[in-house]
Amino acid sequence: AVLLPGLGLTWRRLHDIGKSGLCILLGLIPVVGWIIVLVYVIKPSEP
């Protein structure tokens, strides 16, 4: 039930830092991709 809202929210979070939502696909790369996406969602918003 929360899969699509979670994907949409992560997509919008990537937009917030100026990245394309397609960067979420980096998470498909084992370990390295997960770390990259984690760094992206931790970054502060563009002001």
ModelCIF file with pLDDT and N, C-alpha, C, O atoms, coordinates in Angstrom:
data_MODEL
#
_entry.id   MODEL 
#
_entity.id                         1 
_entity.type                       polymer 
_entity.pdbx_number_of_molecules   1 
#
_entity_poly.entity_id                      1 
_entity_poly.type                           'polypeptide(L)' 
_entity_poly.nstd_linkage                   no 
_entity_poly.nstd_monomer                   no 
_entity_poly.pdbx_seq_one_letter_code       AVLLPGLGLTWRRLHDIGKSGLCILLGLIPVVGWIIVLVYVIKPSEP 
_entity_poly.pdbx_seq_one_letter_code_can   AVLLPGLGLTWRRLHDIGKSGLCILLGLIPVVGWIIVLVYVIKPSEP 
_entity_poly.pdbx_strand_id                 A 
#
loop_
_entity_poly_seq.entity_id 
_entity_poly_seq.num 
_entity_poly_seq.mon_id 
_entity_poly_seq.hetero 
1 1  ALA n 
1 2  VAL n 
1 3  LEU n 
1 4  LEU n 
1 5  PRO n 
1 6  GLY n 
1 7  LEU n 
1 8  GLY n 
1 9  LEU n 
1 10 THR n 
1 11 TRP n 
1 12 ARG n 
1 13 ARG n 
1 14 LEU n 
1 15 HIS n 
1 16 ASP n 
1 17 ILE n 
1 18 GLY n 
1 19 LYS n 
1 20 SER n 
1 21 GLY n 
1 22 LEU n 
1 23 CYS n 
1 24 ILE n 
1 25 LEU n 
1 26 LEU n 
1 27 GLY n 
1 28 LEU n 
1 29 ILE n 
1 30 PRO n 
1 31 VAL n 
1 32 VAL n 
1 33 GLY n 
1 34 TRP n 
1 35 ILE n 
1 36 ILE n 
1 37 VAL n 
1 38 LEU n 
1 39 VAL n 
1 40 TYR n 
1 41 VAL n 
1 42 ILE n 
1 43 LYS n 
1 44 PRO n 
1 45 SER n 
1 46 GLU n 
1 47 PRO n 
#
_struct_asym.id          A 
_struct_asym.entity_id   1 
#
loop_
_ma_qa_metric.id 
_ma_qa_metric.mode 
_ma_qa_metric.name 
_ma_qa_metric.software_group_id 
_ma_qa_metric.type 
1 global pLDDT . pLDDT 
2 local  pLDDT . pLDDT 
#
_ma_qa_metric_global.metric_id      1 
_ma_qa_metric_global.metric_value   92.94 
_ma_qa_metric_global.model_id       1 
_ma_qa_metric_global.ordinal_id     1 
#
loop_
_ma_qa_metric_local.label_asym_id 
_ma_qa_metric_local.label_comp_id 
_ma_qa_metric_local.label_seq_id 
_ma_qa_metric_local.metric_id 
_ma_qa_metric_local.metric_value 
_ma_qa_metric_local.model_id 
_ma_qa_metric_local.ordinal_id 
A ALA 1  2 87.00 1 1  
A VAL 2  2 88.00 1 2  
A LEU 3  2 90.00 1 3  
A LEU 4  2 88.00 1 4  
A PRO 5  2 86.00 1 5  
A GLY 6  2 90.00 1 6  
A LEU 7  2 92.00 1 7  
A GLY 8  2 90.00 1 8  
A LEU 9  2 90.00 1 9  
A THR 10 2 94.00 1 10 
A TRP 11 2 94.00 1 11 
A ARG 12 2 92.00 1 12 
A ARG 13 2 93.00 1 13 
A LEU 14 2 95.00 1 14 
A HIS 15 2 94.00 1 15 
A ASP 16 2 93.00 1 16 
A ILE 17 2 93.00 1 17 
A GLY 18 2 92.00 1 18 
A LYS 19 2 94.00 1 19 
A SER 20 2 94.00 1 20 
A GLY 21 2 93.00 1 21 
A LEU 22 2 94.00 1 22 
A CYS 23 2 94.00 1 23 
A ILE 24 2 95.00 1 24 
A LEU 25 2 95.00 1 25 
A LEU 26 2 95.00 1 26 
A GLY 27 2 93.00 1 27 
A LEU 28 2 95.00 1 28 
A ILE 29 2 95.00 1 29 
A PRO 30 2 93.00 1 30 
A VAL 31 2 94.00 1 31 
A VAL 32 2 96.00 1 32 
A GLY 33 2 95.00 1 33 
A TRP 34 2 94.00 1 34 
A ILE 35 2 96.00 1 35 
A ILE 36 2 96.00 1 36 
A VAL 37 2 96.00 1 37 
A LEU 38 2 95.00 1 38 
A VAL 39 2 96.00 1 39 
A TYR 40 2 96.00 1 40 
A VAL 41 2 95.00 1 41 
A ILE 42 2 94.00 1 42 
A LYS 43 2 94.00 1 43 
A PRO 44 2 92.00 1 44 
A SER 45 2 89.00 1 45 
A GLU 46 2 90.00 1 46 
A PRO 47 2 89.00 1 47 
#
loop_
_atom_site.group_PDB 
_atom_site.id 
_atom_site.type_symbol 
_atom_site.label_atom_id 
_atom_site.label_alt_id 
_atom_site.label_comp_id 
_atom_site.label_asym_id 
_atom_site.label_entity_id 
_atom_site.label_seq_id 
_atom_site.pdbx_PDB_ins_code 
_atom_site.Cartn_x 
_atom_site.Cartn_y 
_atom_site.Cartn_z 
_atom_site.occupancy 
_atom_site.B_iso_or_equiv 
_atom_site.pdbx_formal_charge 
_atom_site.auth_seq_id 
_atom_site.auth_comp_id 
_atom_site.auth_asym_id 
_atom_site.auth_atom_id 
_atom_site.pdbx_PDB_model_num 
ATOM 1   N N  . ALA A 1 1  ? 0.813  -1.216 0.000   1.00 87.00 ? 1  ALA A N  1 
ATOM 2   C CA . ALA A 1 1  ? 0.000  0.000  0.000   1.00 87.00 ? 1  ALA A CA 1 
ATOM 3   C C  . ALA A 1 1  ? 0.846  1.265  0.000   1.00 87.00 ? 1  ALA A C  1 
ATOM 4   O O  . ALA A 1 1  ? 0.440  2.276  -0.573  1.00 87.00 ? 1  ALA A O  1 
ATOM 5   N N  . VAL A 1 2  ? 2.011  1.227  0.632   1.00 88.00 ? 2  VAL A N  1 
ATOM 6   C CA . VAL A 1 2  ? 2.845  2.428  0.720   1.00 88.00 ? 2  VAL A CA 1 
ATOM 7   C C  . VAL A 1 2  ? 3.995  2.426  -0.285  1.00 88.00 ? 2  VAL A C  1 
ATOM 8   O O  . VAL A 1 2  ? 4.834  3.326  -0.264  1.00 88.00 ? 2  VAL A O  1 
ATOM 9   N N  . LEU A 1 3  ? 4.041  1.430  -1.160  1.00 90.00 ? 3  LEU A N  1 
ATOM 10  C CA . LEU A 1 3  ? 5.115  1.366  -2.150  1.00 90.00 ? 3  LEU A CA 1 
ATOM 11  C C  . LEU A 1 3  ? 5.072  2.558  -3.111  1.00 90.00 ? 3  LEU A C  1 
ATOM 12  O O  . LEU A 1 3  ? 6.072  3.256  -3.277  1.00 90.00 ? 3  LEU A O  1 
ATOM 13  N N  . LEU A 1 4  ? 3.931  2.790  -3.735  1.00 88.00 ? 4  LEU A N  1 
ATOM 14  C CA . LEU A 1 4  ? 3.835  3.905  -4.689  1.00 88.00 ? 4  LEU A CA 1 
ATOM 15  C C  . LEU A 1 4  ? 3.976  5.273  -4.024  1.00 88.00 ? 4  LEU A C  1 
ATOM 16  O O  . LEU A 1 4  ? 4.667  6.135  -4.566  1.00 88.00 ? 4  LEU A O  1 
ATOM 17  N N  . PRO A 1 5  ? 3.344  5.506  -2.862  1.00 86.00 ? 5  PRO A N  1 
ATOM 18  C CA . PRO A 1 5  ? 3.588  6.796  -2.210  1.00 86.00 ? 5  PRO A CA 1 
ATOM 19  C C  . PRO A 1 5  ? 5.062  7.000  -1.859  1.00 86.00 ? 5  PRO A C  1 
ATOM 20  O O  . PRO A 1 5  ? 5.576  8.113  -1.966  1.00 86.00 ? 5  PRO A O  1 
ATOM 21  N N  . GLY A 1 6  ? 5.736  5.939  -1.445  1.00 90.00 ? 6  GLY A N  1 
ATOM 22  C CA . GLY A 1 6  ? 7.154  6.038  -1.115  1.00 90.00 ? 6  GLY A CA 1 
ATOM 23  C C  . GLY A 1 6  ? 8.009  6.351  -2.331  1.00 90.00 ? 6  GLY A C  1 
ATOM 24  O O  . GLY A 1 6  ? 8.930  7.164  -2.254  1.00 90.00 ? 6  GLY A O  1 
ATOM 25  N N  . LEU A 1 7  ? 7.708  5.709  -3.452  1.00 92.00 ? 7  LEU A N  1 
ATOM 26  C CA . LEU A 1 7  ? 8.445  5.997  -4.684  1.00 92.00 ? 7  LEU A CA 1 
ATOM 27  C C  . LEU A 1 7  ? 8.193  7.432  -5.147  1.00 92.00 ? 7  LEU A C  1 
ATOM 28  O O  . LEU A 1 7  ? 9.118  8.138  -5.551  1.00 92.00 ? 7  LEU A O  1 
ATOM 29  N N  . GLY A 1 8  ? 6.928  7.851  -5.082  1.00 90.00 ? 8  GLY A N  1 
ATOM 30  C CA . GLY A 1 8  ? 6.594  9.227  -5.469  1.00 90.00 ? 8  GLY A CA 1 
ATOM 31  C C  . GLY A 1 8  ? 7.274  10.247 -4.578  1.00 90.00 ? 8  GLY A C  1 
ATOM 32  O O  . GLY A 1 8  ? 7.755  11.274 -5.055  1.00 90.00 ? 8  GLY A O  1 
ATOM 33  N N  . LEU A 1 9  ? 7.314  9.969  -3.299  1.00 90.00 ? 9  LEU A N  1 
ATOM 34  C CA . LEU A 1 9  ? 7.948  10.886 -2.358  1.00 90.00 ? 9  LEU A CA 1 
ATOM 35  C C  . LEU A 1 9  ? 9.450  10.965 -2.598  1.00 90.00 ? 9  LEU A C  1 
ATOM 36  O O  . LEU A 1 9  ? 10.026 12.051 -2.556  1.00 90.00 ? 9  LEU A O  1 
ATOM 37  N N  . THR A 1 10 ? 10.088 9.828  -2.847  1.00 94.00 ? 10 THR A N  1 
ATOM 38  C CA . THR A 1 10 ? 11.522 9.834  -3.141  1.00 94.00 ? 10 THR A CA 1 
ATOM 39  C C  . THR A 1 10 ? 11.793 10.571 -4.443  1.00 94.00 ? 10 THR A C  1 
ATOM 40  O O  . THR A 1 10 ? 12.773 11.308 -4.552  1.00 94.00 ? 10 THR A O  1 
ATOM 41  N N  . TRP A 1 11 ? 10.928 10.375 -5.426  1.00 94.00 ? 11 TRP A N  1 
ATOM 42  C CA . TRP A 1 11 ? 11.034 11.074 -6.710  1.00 94.00 ? 11 TRP A CA 1 
ATOM 43  C C  . TRP A 1 11 ? 10.994 12.591 -6.479  1.00 94.00 ? 11 TRP A C  1 
ATOM 44  O O  . TRP A 1 11 ? 11.828 13.329 -7.005  1.00 94.00 ? 11 TRP A O  1 
ATOM 45  N N  . ARG A 1 12 ? 10.009 13.047 -5.682  1.00 92.00 ? 12 ARG A N  1 
ATOM 46  C CA . ARG A 1 12 ? 9.876  14.484 -5.395  1.00 92.00 ? 12 ARG A CA 1 
ATOM 47  C C  . ARG A 1 12 ? 11.033 14.990 -4.549  1.00 92.00 ? 12 ARG A C  1 
ATOM 48  O O  . ARG A 1 12 ? 11.447 16.140 -4.690  1.00 92.00 ? 12 ARG A O  1 
ATOM 49  N N  . ARG A 1 13 ? 11.565 14.136 -3.664  1.00 93.00 ? 13 ARG A N  1 
ATOM 50  C CA . ARG A 1 13 ? 12.722 14.539 -2.851  1.00 93.00 ? 13 ARG A CA 1 
ATOM 51  C C  . ARG A 1 13 ? 13.936 14.777 -3.747  1.00 93.00 ? 13 ARG A C  1 
ATOM 52  O O  . ARG A 1 13 ? 14.692 15.722 -3.522  1.00 93.00 ? 13 ARG A O  1 
ATOM 53  N N  . LEU A 1 14 ? 14.126 13.945 -4.743  1.00 95.00 ? 14 LEU A N  1 
ATOM 54  C CA . LEU A 1 14 ? 15.218 14.149 -5.697  1.00 95.00 ? 14 LEU A CA 1 
ATOM 55  C C  . LEU A 1 14 ? 15.009 15.441 -6.482  1.00 95.00 ? 14 LEU A C  1 
ATOM 56  O O  . LEU A 1 14 ? 15.970 16.151 -6.779  1.00 95.00 ? 14 LEU A O  1 
ATOM 57  N N  . HIS A 1 15 ? 13.762 15.746 -6.817  1.00 94.00 ? 15 HIS A N  1 
ATOM 58  C CA . HIS A 1 15 ? 13.473 17.029 -7.475  1.00 94.00 ? 15 HIS A CA 1 
ATOM 59  C C  . HIS A 1 15 ? 13.880 18.189 -6.584  1.00 94.00 ? 15 HIS A C  1 
ATOM 60  O O  . HIS A 1 15 ? 14.346 19.219 -7.071  1.00 94.00 ? 15 HIS A O  1 
ATOM 61  N N  . ASP A 1 16 ? 13.704 18.025 -5.281  1.00 93.00 ? 16 ASP A N  1 
ATOM 62  C CA . ASP A 1 16 ? 13.984 19.102 -4.334  1.00 93.00 ? 16 ASP A CA 1 
ATOM 63  C C  . ASP A 1 16 ? 15.460 19.484 -4.304  1.00 93.00 ? 16 ASP A C  1 
ATOM 64  O O  . ASP A 1 16 ? 15.798 20.625 -3.990  1.00 93.00 ? 16 ASP A O  1 
ATOM 65  N N  . ILE A 1 17 ? 16.331 18.548 -4.625  1.00 93.00 ? 17 ILE A N  1 
ATOM 66  C CA . ILE A 1 17 ? 17.767 18.871 -4.635  1.00 93.00 ? 17 ILE A CA 1 
ATOM 67  C C  . ILE A 1 17 ? 18.256 19.160 -6.047  1.00 93.00 ? 17 ILE A C  1 
ATOM 68  O O  . ILE A 1 17 ? 19.456 19.296 -6.282  1.00 93.00 ? 17 ILE A O  1 
ATOM 69  N N  . GLY A 1 18 ? 17.304 19.253 -6.999  1.00 92.00 ? 18 GLY A N  1 
ATOM 70  C CA . GLY A 1 18 ? 17.669 19.606 -8.366  1.00 92.00 ? 18 GLY A CA 1 
ATOM 71  C C  . GLY A 1 18 ? 18.037 18.433 -9.250  1.00 92.00 ? 18 GLY A C  1 
ATOM 72  O O  . GLY A 1 18 ? 18.546 18.631 -10.353 1.00 92.00 ? 18 GLY A O  1 
ATOM 73  N N  . LYS A 1 19 ? 17.792 17.217 -8.792  1.00 94.00 ? 19 LYS A N  1 
ATOM 74  C CA . LYS A 1 19 ? 18.096 16.021 -9.578  1.00 94.00 ? 19 LYS A CA 1 
ATOM 75  C C  . LYS A 1 19 ? 16.824 15.515 -10.257 1.00 94.00 ? 19 LYS A C  1 
ATOM 76  O O  . LYS A 1 19 ? 15.713 15.770 -9.790  1.00 94.00 ? 19 LYS A O  1 
ATOM 77  N N  . SER A 1 20 ? 17.001 14.805 -11.350 1.00 94.00 ? 20 SER A N  1 
ATOM 78  C CA . SER A 1 20 ? 15.873 14.167 -12.008 1.00 94.00 ? 20 SER A CA 1 
ATOM 79  C C  . SER A 1 20 ? 15.369 13.034 -11.128 1.00 94.00 ? 20 SER A C  1 
ATOM 80  O O  . SER A 1 20 ? 16.148 12.378 -10.437 1.00 94.00 ? 20 SER A O  1 
ATOM 81  N N  . GLY A 1 21 ? 14.076 12.813 -11.157 1.00 93.00 ? 21 GLY A N  1 
ATOM 82  C CA . GLY A 1 21 ? 13.516 11.709 -10.396 1.00 93.00 ? 21 GLY A CA 1 
ATOM 83  C C  . GLY A 1 21 ? 14.035 10.360 -10.855 1.00 93.00 ? 21 GLY A C  1 
ATOM 84  O O  . GLY A 1 21 ? 14.011 9.389  -10.098 1.00 93.00 ? 21 GLY A O  1 
ATOM 85  N N  . LEU A 1 22 ? 14.503 10.297 -12.092 1.00 94.00 ? 22 LEU A N  1 
ATOM 86  C CA . LEU A 1 22 ? 15.049 9.041  -12.605 1.00 94.00 ? 22 LEU A CA 1 
ATOM 87  C C  . LEU A 1 22 ? 16.302 8.594  -11.859 1.00 94.00 ? 22 LEU A C  1 
ATOM 88  O O  . LEU A 1 22 ? 16.724 7.445  -11.991 1.00 94.00 ? 22 LEU A O  1 
ATOM 89  N N  . CYS A 1 23 ? 16.896 9.485  -11.082 1.00 94.00 ? 23 CYS A N  1 
ATOM 90  C CA . CYS A 1 23 ? 18.060 9.104  -10.268 1.00 94.00 ? 23 CYS A CA 1 
ATOM 91  C C  . CYS A 1 23 ? 17.688 8.042  -9.246  1.00 94.00 ? 23 CYS A C  1 
ATOM 92  O O  . CYS A 1 23 ? 18.565 7.399  -8.668  1.00 94.00 ? 23 CYS A O  1 
ATOM 93  N N  . ILE A 1 24 ? 16.391 7.854  -9.020  1.00 95.00 ? 24 ILE A N  1 
ATOM 94  C CA . ILE A 1 24 ? 15.951 6.807  -8.105  1.00 95.00 ? 24 ILE A CA 1 
ATOM 95  C C  . ILE A 1 24 ? 16.388 5.435  -8.614  1.00 95.00 ? 24 ILE A C  1 
ATOM 96  O O  . ILE A 1 24 ? 16.550 4.498  -7.832  1.00 95.00 ? 24 ILE A O  1 
ATOM 97  N N  . LEU A 1 25 ? 16.577 5.323  -9.928  1.00 95.00 ? 25 LEU A N  1 
ATOM 98  C CA . LEU A 1 25 ? 17.005 4.059  -10.519 1.00 95.00 ? 25 LEU A CA 1 
ATOM 99  C C  . LEU A 1 25 ? 18.428 3.682  -10.109 1.00 95.00 ? 25 LEU A C  1 
ATOM 100 O O  . LEU A 1 25 ? 18.829 2.527  -10.252 1.00 95.00 ? 25 LEU A O  1 
ATOM 101 N N  . LEU A 1 26 ? 19.186 4.643  -9.605  1.00 95.00 ? 26 LEU A N  1 
ATOM 102 C CA . LEU A 1 26 ? 20.519 4.326  -9.087  1.00 95.00 ? 26 LEU A CA 1 
ATOM 103 C C  . LEU A 1 26 ? 20.427 3.331  -7.936  1.00 95.00 ? 26 LEU A C  1 
ATOM 104 O O  . LEU A 1 26 ? 21.358 2.565  -7.689  1.00 95.00 ? 26 LEU A O  1 
ATOM 105 N N  . GLY A 1 27 ? 19.299 3.348  -7.237  1.00 93.00 ? 27 GLY A N  1 
ATOM 106 C CA . GLY A 1 27 ? 19.091 2.429  -6.128  1.00 93.00 ? 27 GLY A CA 1 
ATOM 107 C C  . GLY A 1 27 ? 19.059 0.970  -6.556  1.00 93.00 ? 27 GLY A C  1 
ATOM 108 O O  . GLY A 1 27 ? 19.144 0.076  -5.714  1.00 93.00 ? 27 GLY A O  1 
ATOM 109 N N  . LEU A 1 28 ? 18.939 0.720  -7.852  1.00 95.00 ? 28 LEU A N  1 
ATOM 110 C CA . LEU A 1 28 ? 18.964 -0.651 -8.350  1.00 95.00 ? 28 LEU A CA 1 
ATOM 111 C C  . LEU A 1 28 ? 20.376 -1.234 -8.371  1.00 95.00 ? 28 LEU A C  1 
ATOM 112 O O  . LEU A 1 28 ? 20.548 -2.449 -8.469  1.00 95.00 ? 28 LEU A O  1 
ATOM 113 N N  . ILE A 1 29 ? 21.383 -0.365 -8.279  1.00 95.00 ? 29 ILE A N  1 
ATOM 114 C CA . ILE A 1 29 ? 22.763 -0.824 -8.227  1.00 95.00 ? 29 ILE A CA 1 
ATOM 115 C C  . ILE A 1 29 ? 23.036 -1.258 -6.779  1.00 95.00 ? 29 ILE A C  1 
ATOM 116 O O  . ILE A 1 29 ? 22.915 -0.446 -5.861  1.00 95.00 ? 29 ILE A O  1 
ATOM 117 N N  . PRO A 1 30 ? 23.400 -2.515 -6.571  1.00 93.00 ? 30 PRO A N  1 
ATOM 118 C CA . PRO A 1 30 ? 23.622 -2.973 -5.192  1.00 93.00 ? 30 PRO A CA 1 
ATOM 119 C C  . PRO A 1 30 ? 24.685 -2.143 -4.464  1.00 93.00 ? 30 PRO A C  1 
ATOM 120 O O  . PRO A 1 30 ? 25.705 -1.774 -5.046  1.00 93.00 ? 30 PRO A O  1 
ATOM 121 N N  . VAL A 1 31 ? 24.438 -1.868 -3.237  1.00 94.00 ? 31 VAL A N  1 
ATOM 122 C CA . VAL A 1 31 ? 25.274 -1.167 -2.269  1.00 94.00 ? 31 VAL A CA 1 
ATOM 123 C C  . VAL A 1 31 ? 25.655 0.246  -2.721  1.00 94.00 ? 31 VAL A C  1 
ATOM 124 O O  . VAL A 1 31 ? 25.244 1.214  -2.081  1.00 94.00 ? 31 VAL A O  1 
ATOM 125 N N  . VAL A 1 32 ? 26.418 0.395  -3.792  1.00 96.00 ? 32 VAL A N  1 
ATOM 126 C CA . VAL A 1 32 ? 26.871 1.719  -4.237  1.00 96.00 ? 32 VAL A CA 1 
ATOM 127 C C  . VAL A 1 32 ? 25.682 2.603  -4.602  1.00 96.00 ? 32 VAL A C  1 
ATOM 128 O O  . VAL A 1 32 ? 25.643 3.774  -4.226  1.00 96.00 ? 32 VAL A O  1 
ATOM 129 N N  . GLY A 1 33 ? 24.720 2.056  -5.327  1.00 95.00 ? 33 GLY A N  1 
ATOM 130 C CA . GLY A 1 33 ? 23.541 2.824  -5.714  1.00 95.00 ? 33 GLY A CA 1 
ATOM 131 C C  . GLY A 1 33 ? 22.717 3.243  -4.515  1.00 95.00 ? 33 GLY A C  1 
ATOM 132 O O  . GLY A 1 33 ? 22.195 4.357  -4.465  1.00 95.00 ? 33 GLY A O  1 
ATOM 133 N N  . TRP A 1 34 ? 22.603 2.338  -3.541  1.00 94.00 ? 34 TRP A N  1 
ATOM 134 C CA . TRP A 1 34 ? 21.851 2.654  -2.325  1.00 94.00 ? 34 TRP A CA 1 
ATOM 135 C C  . TRP A 1 34 ? 22.504 3.811  -1.582  1.00 94.00 ? 34 TRP A C  1 
ATOM 136 O O  . TRP A 1 34 ? 21.823 4.703  -1.076  1.00 94.00 ? 34 TRP A O  1 
ATOM 137 N N  . ILE A 1 35 ? 23.817 3.786  -1.524  1.00 96.00 ? 35 ILE A N  1 
ATOM 138 C CA . ILE A 1 35 ? 24.548 4.853  -0.825  1.00 96.00 ? 35 ILE A CA 1 
ATOM 139 C C  . ILE A 1 35 ? 24.368 6.184  -1.549  1.00 96.00 ? 35 ILE A C  1 
ATOM 140 O O  . ILE A 1 35 ? 24.176 7.219  -0.911  1.00 96.00 ? 35 ILE A O  1 
ATOM 141 N N  . ILE A 1 36 ? 24.429 6.160  -2.871  1.00 96.00 ? 36 ILE A N  1 
ATOM 142 C CA . ILE A 1 36 ? 24.252 7.393  -3.648  1.00 96.00 ? 36 ILE A CA 1 
ATOM 143 C C  . ILE A 1 36 ? 22.870 7.979  -3.402  1.00 96.00 ? 36 ILE A C  1 
ATOM 144 O O  . ILE A 1 36 ? 22.743 9.177  -3.148  1.00 96.00 ? 36 ILE A O  1 
ATOM 145 N N  . VAL A 1 37 ? 21.830 7.148  -3.476  1.00 96.00 ? 37 VAL A N  1 
ATOM 146 C CA . VAL A 1 37 ? 20.459 7.640  -3.239  1.00 96.00 ? 37 VAL A CA 1 
ATOM 147 C C  . VAL A 1 37 ? 20.324 8.146  -1.810  1.00 96.00 ? 37 VAL A C  1 
ATOM 148 O O  . VAL A 1 37 ? 19.671 9.166  -1.585  1.00 96.00 ? 37 VAL A O  1 
ATOM 149 N N  . LEU A 1 38 ? 20.916 7.467  -0.844  1.00 95.00 ? 38 LEU A N  1 
ATOM 150 C CA . LEU A 1 38 ? 20.868 7.926  0.547   1.00 95.00 ? 38 LEU A CA 1 
ATOM 151 C C  . LEU A 1 38 ? 21.518 9.295  0.688   1.00 95.00 ? 38 LEU A C  1 
ATOM 152 O O  . LEU A 1 38 ? 20.981 10.167 1.372   1.00 95.00 ? 38 LEU A O  1 
ATOM 153 N N  . VAL A 1 39 ? 22.657 9.494  0.056   1.00 96.00 ? 39 VAL A N  1 
ATOM 154 C CA . VAL A 1 39 ? 23.327 10.799 0.108   1.00 96.00 ? 39 VAL A CA 1 
ATOM 155 C C  . VAL A 1 39 ? 22.427 11.865 -0.517  1.00 96.00 ? 39 VAL A C  1 
ATOM 156 O O  . VAL A 1 39 ? 22.339 12.979 -0.002  1.00 96.00 ? 39 VAL A O  1 
ATOM 157 N N  . TYR A 1 40 ? 21.767 11.533 -1.613  1.00 96.00 ? 40 TYR A N  1 
ATOM 158 C CA . TYR A 1 40 ? 20.874 12.489 -2.264  1.00 96.00 ? 40 TYR A CA 1 
ATOM 159 C C  . TYR A 1 40 ? 19.711 12.891 -1.362  1.00 96.00 ? 40 TYR A C  1 
ATOM 160 O O  . TYR A 1 40 ? 19.391 14.076 -1.267  1.00 96.00 ? 40 TYR A O  1 
ATOM 161 N N  . VAL A 1 41 ? 19.069 11.922 -0.695  1.00 95.00 ? 41 VAL A N  1 
ATOM 162 C CA . VAL A 1 41 ? 17.908 12.278 0.123   1.00 95.00 ? 41 VAL A CA 1 
ATOM 163 C C  . VAL A 1 41 ? 18.305 12.978 1.414   1.00 95.00 ? 41 VAL A C  1 
ATOM 164 O O  . VAL A 1 41 ? 17.468 13.622 2.046   1.00 95.00 ? 41 VAL A O  1 
ATOM 165 N N  . ILE A 1 42 ? 19.567 12.863 1.815   1.00 94.00 ? 42 ILE A N  1 
ATOM 166 C CA . ILE A 1 42 ? 20.051 13.561 3.014   1.00 94.00 ? 42 ILE A CA 1 
ATOM 167 C C  . ILE A 1 42 ? 20.405 15.016 2.703   1.00 94.00 ? 42 ILE A C  1 
ATOM 168 O O  . ILE A 1 42 ? 20.334 15.877 3.580   1.00 94.00 ? 42 ILE A O  1 
ATOM 169 N N  . LYS A 1 43 ? 20.787 15.288 1.450   1.00 94.00 ? 43 LYS A N  1 
ATOM 170 C CA . LYS A 1 43 ? 21.216 16.638 1.085   1.00 94.00 ? 43 LYS A CA 1 
ATOM 171 C C  . LYS A 1 43 ? 20.143 17.676 1.396   1.00 94.00 ? 43 LYS A C  1 
ATOM 172 O O  . LYS A 1 43 ? 18.953 17.375 1.306   1.00 94.00 ? 43 LYS A O  1 
ATOM 173 N N  . PRO A 1 44 ? 20.546 18.894 1.761   1.00 92.00 ? 44 PRO A N  1 
ATOM 174 C CA . PRO A 1 44 ? 19.559 19.945 2.010   1.00 92.00 ? 44 PRO A CA 1 
ATOM 175 C C  . PRO A 1 44 ? 18.870 20.387 0.717   1.00 92.00 ? 44 PRO A C  1 
ATOM 176 O O  . PRO A 1 44 ? 19.400 20.228 -0.383  1.00 92.00 ? 44 PRO A O  1 
ATOM 177 N N  . SER A 1 45 ? 17.692 20.938 0.886   1.00 89.00 ? 45 SER A N  1 
ATOM 178 C CA . SER A 1 45 ? 16.912 21.420 -0.249  1.00 89.00 ? 45 SER A CA 1 
ATOM 179 C C  . SER A 1 45 ? 17.604 22.592 -0.921  1.00 89.00 ? 45 SER A C  1 
ATOM 180 O O  . SER A 1 45 ? 18.369 23.325 -0.294  1.00 89.00 ? 45 SER A O  1 
ATOM 181 N N  . GLU A 1 46 ? 17.319 22.757 -2.218  1.00 90.00 ? 46 GLU A N  1 
ATOM 182 C CA . GLU A 1 46 ? 17.771 23.975 -2.878  1.00 90.00 ? 46 GLU A CA 1 
ATOM 183 C C  . GLU A 1 46 ? 16.955 25.125 -2.298  1.00 90.00 ? 46 GLU A C  1 
ATOM 184 O O  . GLU A 1 46 ? 15.731 25.023 -2.220  1.00 90.00 ? 46 GLU A O  1 
ATOM 185 N N  . PRO A 1 47 ? 17.594 26.206 -1.893  1.00 89.00 ? 47 PRO A N  1 
ATOM 186 C CA . PRO A 1 47 ? 16.883 27.272 -1.183  1.00 89.00 ? 47 PRO A CA 1 
ATOM 187 C C  . PRO A 1 47 ? 15.991 28.145 -2.064  1.00 89.00 ? 47 PRO A C  1 
ATOM 188 O O  . PRO A 1 47 ? 15.349 29.071 -1.567  1.00 89.00 ? 47 PRO A O  1 
#
